[in-house]
Amino acid sequence: MRGEFENPVDREKGHDDSEQEPSNCEDAGTNAPGTETDVVAADRRSAARAELCEFLATIAVGEYNFAEENDAVPFYESGMVDSLSMLELVSFLERRYAIDFSRIGIDVVSLGSIANILDLIEAKEP
């Protein structure tokens, strides 16, 4: 199947790519959905979500069960948390996940929903 997609310029020059290292595209199957890497990442995200929801419940303006909320709900705009709560959230994320907001800045969008915060945490993790 490899020859089917070979570069015509290489064919003219007589290059044989059969001994080349596989490209990233060919390696893509190693991180395909359902692999061990994905399971570990999903477990980490699930654990981070549970911890985050538990923390958000302690700083919420009202009584909210964040674990049952849709991850995309913008909790600041919805009034679930206020500006003081957001500062507490920043402090929590800095302590718990070593996110350096002095370097990346504080963005209400990236801190505005559970999904966005989890993406921020995942971007920080190795």
C-alpha atoms as a PDB file:
ATOM      1  CA  MET A   1       0.000   0.000   0.000  1.00  0.00           C
ATOM      2  CA  ARG A   2       2.969   2.239   0.587  1.00  0.00           C
ATOM      3  CA  GLY A   3       3.815   2.502  -3.148  1.00  0.00           C
ATOM      4  CA  GLU A   4       0.282   3.623  -3.855  1.00  0.00           C
ATOM      5  CA  PHE A   5       1.004   6.957  -2.137  1.00  0.00           C
ATOM      6  CA  GLU A   6       4.663   7.377  -3.008  1.00  0.00           C
ATOM      7  CA  ASN A   7       5.965  10.724  -4.130  1.00  0.00           C
ATOM      8  CA  PRO A   8       6.359  10.803  -7.963  1.00  0.00           C
ATOM      9  CA  VAL A   9       9.519  12.914  -7.604  1.00  0.00           C
ATOM     10  CA  ASP A  10      11.096  10.219  -5.404  1.00  0.00           C
ATOM     11  CA  ARG A  11      10.098   7.548  -7.911  1.00  0.00           C
ATOM     12  CA  GLU A  12      11.817   9.484 -10.718  1.00  0.00           C
ATOM     13  CA  LYS A  13      14.996   9.853  -8.642  1.00  0.00           C
ATOM     14  CA  GLY A  14      14.946   6.180  -7.736  1.00  0.00           C
ATOM     15  CA  HIS A  15      14.375   6.686  -3.995  1.00  0.00           C
ATOM     16  CA  ASP A  16      13.134   3.699  -2.070  1.00  0.00           C
ATOM     17  CA  ASP A  17      11.145   4.841   0.976  1.00  0.00           C
ATOM     18  CA  SER A  18      10.539   1.322   2.240  1.00  0.00           C
ATOM     19  CA  GLU A  19      13.326   1.674   4.833  1.00  0.00           C
ATOM     20  CA  GLN A  20      12.261   5.080   6.149  1.00  0.00           C
ATOM     21  CA  GLU A  21      10.905   5.504   9.660  1.00  0.00           C
ATOM     22  CA  PRO A  22       7.103   5.580   9.827  1.00  0.00           C
ATOM     23  CA  SER A  23       5.605   9.057   9.771  1.00  0.00           C
ATOM     24  CA  ASN A  24       3.462  10.469  12.549  1.00  0.00           C
ATOM     25  CA  CYS A  25       0.410   9.740  10.443  1.00  0.00           C
ATOM     26  CA  GLU A  26       1.284   6.065  10.362  1.00  0.00           C
ATOM     27  CA  ASP A  27       1.838   6.074  14.139  1.00  0.00           C
ATOM     28  CA  ALA A  28      -1.541   7.694  14.753  1.00  0.00           C
ATOM     29  CA  GLY A  29      -3.089   4.352  15.670  1.00  0.00           C
ATOM     30  CA  THR A  30      -1.042   4.175  18.883  1.00  0.00           C
ATOM     31  CA  ASN A  31      -3.184   6.875  20.465  1.00  0.00           C
ATOM     32  CA  ALA A  32      -6.443   5.861  18.866  1.00  0.00           C
ATOM     33  CA  PRO A  33      -9.573   6.057  21.024  1.00  0.00           C
ATOM     34  CA  GLY A  34      -9.792   3.157  23.406  1.00  0.00           C
ATOM     35  CA  THR A  35      -6.046   2.698  23.866  1.00  0.00           C
ATOM     36  CA  GLU A  36      -4.457   2.525  27.294  1.00  0.00           C
ATOM     37  CA  THR A  37      -3.222   6.114  26.898  1.00  0.00           C
ATOM     38  CA  ASP A  38      -6.768   7.338  26.319  1.00  0.00           C
ATOM     39  CA  VAL A  39      -8.079   5.372  29.288  1.00  0.00           C
ATOM     40  CA  VAL A  40      -5.450   6.886  31.590  1.00  0.00           C
ATOM     41  CA  ALA A  41      -6.192  10.376  30.268  1.00  0.00           C
ATOM     42  CA  ALA A  42      -9.937   9.832  30.745  1.00  0.00           C
ATOM     43  CA  ASP A  43      -9.347   8.594  34.297  1.00  0.00           C
ATOM     44  CA  ARG A  44      -7.216  11.659  35.077  1.00  0.00           C
ATOM     45  CA  ARG A  45      -9.830  13.972  33.583  1.00  0.00           C
ATOM     46  CA  SER A  46     -12.587  12.229  35.553  1.00  0.00           C
ATOM     47  CA  ALA A  47     -10.610  12.514  38.809  1.00  0.00           C
ATOM     48  CA  ALA A  48      -9.823  16.178  38.127  1.00  0.00           C
ATOM     49  CA  ARG A  49     -13.502  16.819  37.339  1.00  0.00           C
ATOM     50  CA  ALA A  50     -14.635  15.253  40.618  1.00  0.00           C
ATOM     51  CA  GLU A  51     -12.106  17.278  42.602  1.00  0.00           C
ATOM     52  CA  LEU A  52     -12.998  20.465  40.729  1.00  0.00           C
ATOM     53  CA  CYS A  53     -16.752  19.975  41.258  1.00  0.00           C
ATOM     54  CA  GLU A  54     -16.175  19.376  44.952  1.00  0.00           C
ATOM     55  CA  PHE A  55     -14.137  22.587  45.205  1.00  0.00           C
ATOM     56  CA  LEU A  56     -16.638  24.630  43.174  1.00  0.00           C
ATOM     57  CA  ALA A  57     -19.387  23.578  45.579  1.00  0.00           C
ATOM     58  CA  THR A  58     -17.426  25.200  48.424  1.00  0.00           C
ATOM     59  CA  ILE A  59     -17.154  28.569  46.656  1.00  0.00           C
ATOM     60  CA  ALA A  60     -20.531  28.692  44.891  1.00  0.00           C
ATOM     61  CA  VAL A  61     -22.840  31.620  45.535  1.00  0.00           C
ATOM     62  CA  GLY A  62     -25.826  29.295  45.950  1.00  0.00           C
ATOM     63  CA  GLU A  63     -26.494  25.613  46.320  1.00  0.00           C
ATOM     64  CA  TYR A  64     -25.343  23.911  43.139  1.00  0.00           C
ATOM     65  CA  ASN A  65     -24.420  20.335  42.432  1.00  0.00           C
ATOM     66  CA  PHE A  66     -21.627  20.915  39.941  1.00  0.00           C
ATOM     67  CA  ALA A  67     -21.167  17.177  39.480  1.00  0.00           C
ATOM     68  CA  GLU A  68     -24.593  17.080  37.810  1.00  0.00           C
ATOM     69  CA  GLU A  69     -24.114  20.251  35.757  1.00  0.00           C
ATOM     70  CA  ASN A  70     -23.272  20.169  32.073  1.00  0.00           C
ATOM     71  CA  ASP A  71     -19.516  20.756  31.762  1.00  0.00           C
ATOM     72  CA  ALA A  72     -20.088  23.508  29.195  1.00  0.00           C
ATOM     73  CA  VAL A  73     -22.367  25.644  31.433  1.00  0.00           C
ATOM     74  CA  PRO A  74     -20.672  29.010  31.982  1.00  0.00           C
ATOM     75  CA  PHE A  75     -20.916  29.140  35.768  1.00  0.00           C
ATOM     76  CA  TYR A  76     -19.635  32.725  36.180  1.00  0.00           C
ATOM     77  CA  GLU A  77     -22.097  34.171  33.658  1.00  0.00           C
ATOM     78  CA  SER A  78     -24.855  31.994  35.154  1.00  0.00           C
ATOM     79  CA  GLY A  79     -24.273  33.514  38.581  1.00  0.00           C
ATOM     80  CA  MET A  80     -23.175  30.250  40.194  1.00  0.00           C
ATOM     81  CA  VAL A  81     -19.924  31.900  41.272  1.00  0.00           C
ATOM     82  CA  ASP A  82     -18.950  35.537  41.716  1.00  0.00           C
ATOM     83  CA  SER A  83     -15.703  37.456  41.216  1.00  0.00           C
ATOM     84  CA  LEU A  84     -14.383  36.568  44.681  1.00  0.00           C
ATOM     85  CA  SER A  85     -15.125  32.914  43.947  1.00  0.00           C
ATOM     86  CA  MET A  86     -13.161  33.205  40.709  1.00  0.00           C
ATOM     87  CA  LEU A  87     -10.134  34.460  42.643  1.00  0.00           C
ATOM     88  CA  GLU A  88     -10.451  31.491  44.976  1.00  0.00           C
ATOM     89  CA  LEU A  89     -10.658  29.224  41.945  1.00  0.00           C
ATOM     90  CA  VAL A  90      -7.457  30.710  40.514  1.00  0.00           C
ATOM     91  CA  SER A  91      -5.708  30.185  43.850  1.00  0.00           C
ATOM     92  CA  PHE A  92      -6.933  26.570  43.991  1.00  0.00           C
ATOM     93  CA  LEU A  93      -5.734  25.818  40.457  1.00  0.00           C
ATOM     94  CA  GLU A  94      -2.339  27.383  41.142  1.00  0.00           C
ATOM     95  CA  ARG A  95      -1.870  25.346  44.328  1.00  0.00           C
ATOM     96  CA  ARG A  96      -3.331  22.044  43.169  1.00  0.00           C
ATOM     97  CA  TYR A  97      -2.233  21.903  39.519  1.00  0.00           C
ATOM     98  CA  ALA A  98       0.723  24.328  39.519  1.00  0.00           C
ATOM     99  CA  ILE A  99      -0.870  26.476  36.822  1.00  0.00           C
ATOM    100  CA  ASP A 100       1.057  29.741  36.630  1.00  0.00           C
ATOM    101  CA  PHE A 101      -1.541  32.420  35.971  1.00  0.00           C
ATOM    102  CA  SER A 102       1.090  35.151  36.293  1.00  0.00           C
ATOM    103  CA  ARG A 103       2.560  33.687  33.103  1.00  0.00           C
ATOM    104  CA  ILE A 104      -0.598  32.791  31.155  1.00  0.00           C
ATOM    105  CA  GLY A 105      -2.931  35.453  32.549  1.00  0.00           C
ATOM    106  CA  ILE A 106      -6.424  35.107  33.914  1.00  0.00           C
ATOM    107  CA  ASP A 107      -9.052  34.604  31.255  1.00  0.00           C
ATOM    108  CA  VAL A 108     -12.729  34.386  32.200  1.00  0.00           C
ATOM    109  CA  VAL A 109     -13.374  32.165  29.172  1.00  0.00           C
ATOM    110  CA  SER A 110     -10.741  29.562  30.099  1.00  0.00           C
ATOM    111  CA  LEU A 111     -12.034  29.610  33.682  1.00  0.00           C
ATOM    112  CA  GLY A 112     -15.694  29.947  32.762  1.00  0.00           C
ATOM    113  CA  SER A 113     -16.812  26.329  32.660  1.00  0.00           C
ATOM    114  CA  ILE A 114     -15.816  22.944  33.991  1.00  0.00           C
ATOM    115  CA  ALA A 115     -14.867  21.780  30.489  1.00  0.00           C
ATOM    116  CA  ASN A 116     -12.596  24.781  29.900  1.00  0.00           C
ATOM    117  CA  ILE A 117     -10.881  24.359  33.265  1.00  0.00           C
ATOM    118  CA  LEU A 118     -10.326  20.659  32.616  1.00  0.00           C
ATOM    119  CA  ASP A 119      -8.776  21.546  29.255  1.00  0.00           C
ATOM    120  CA  LEU A 120      -6.493  24.015  31.056  1.00  0.00           C
ATOM    121  CA  ILE A 121      -5.478  21.319  33.557  1.00  0.00           C
ATOM    122  CA  GLU A 122      -4.828  18.800  30.769  1.00  0.00           C
ATOM    123  CA  ALA A 123      -2.687  21.319  28.899  1.00  0.00           C
ATOM    124  CA  LYS A 124      -0.575  21.717  32.036  1.00  0.00           C
ATOM    125  CA  GLU A 125      -0.138  17.984  32.664  1.00  0.00           C
ATOM    126  CA  PRO A 126       2.754  16.203  30.953  1.00  0.00           C
END
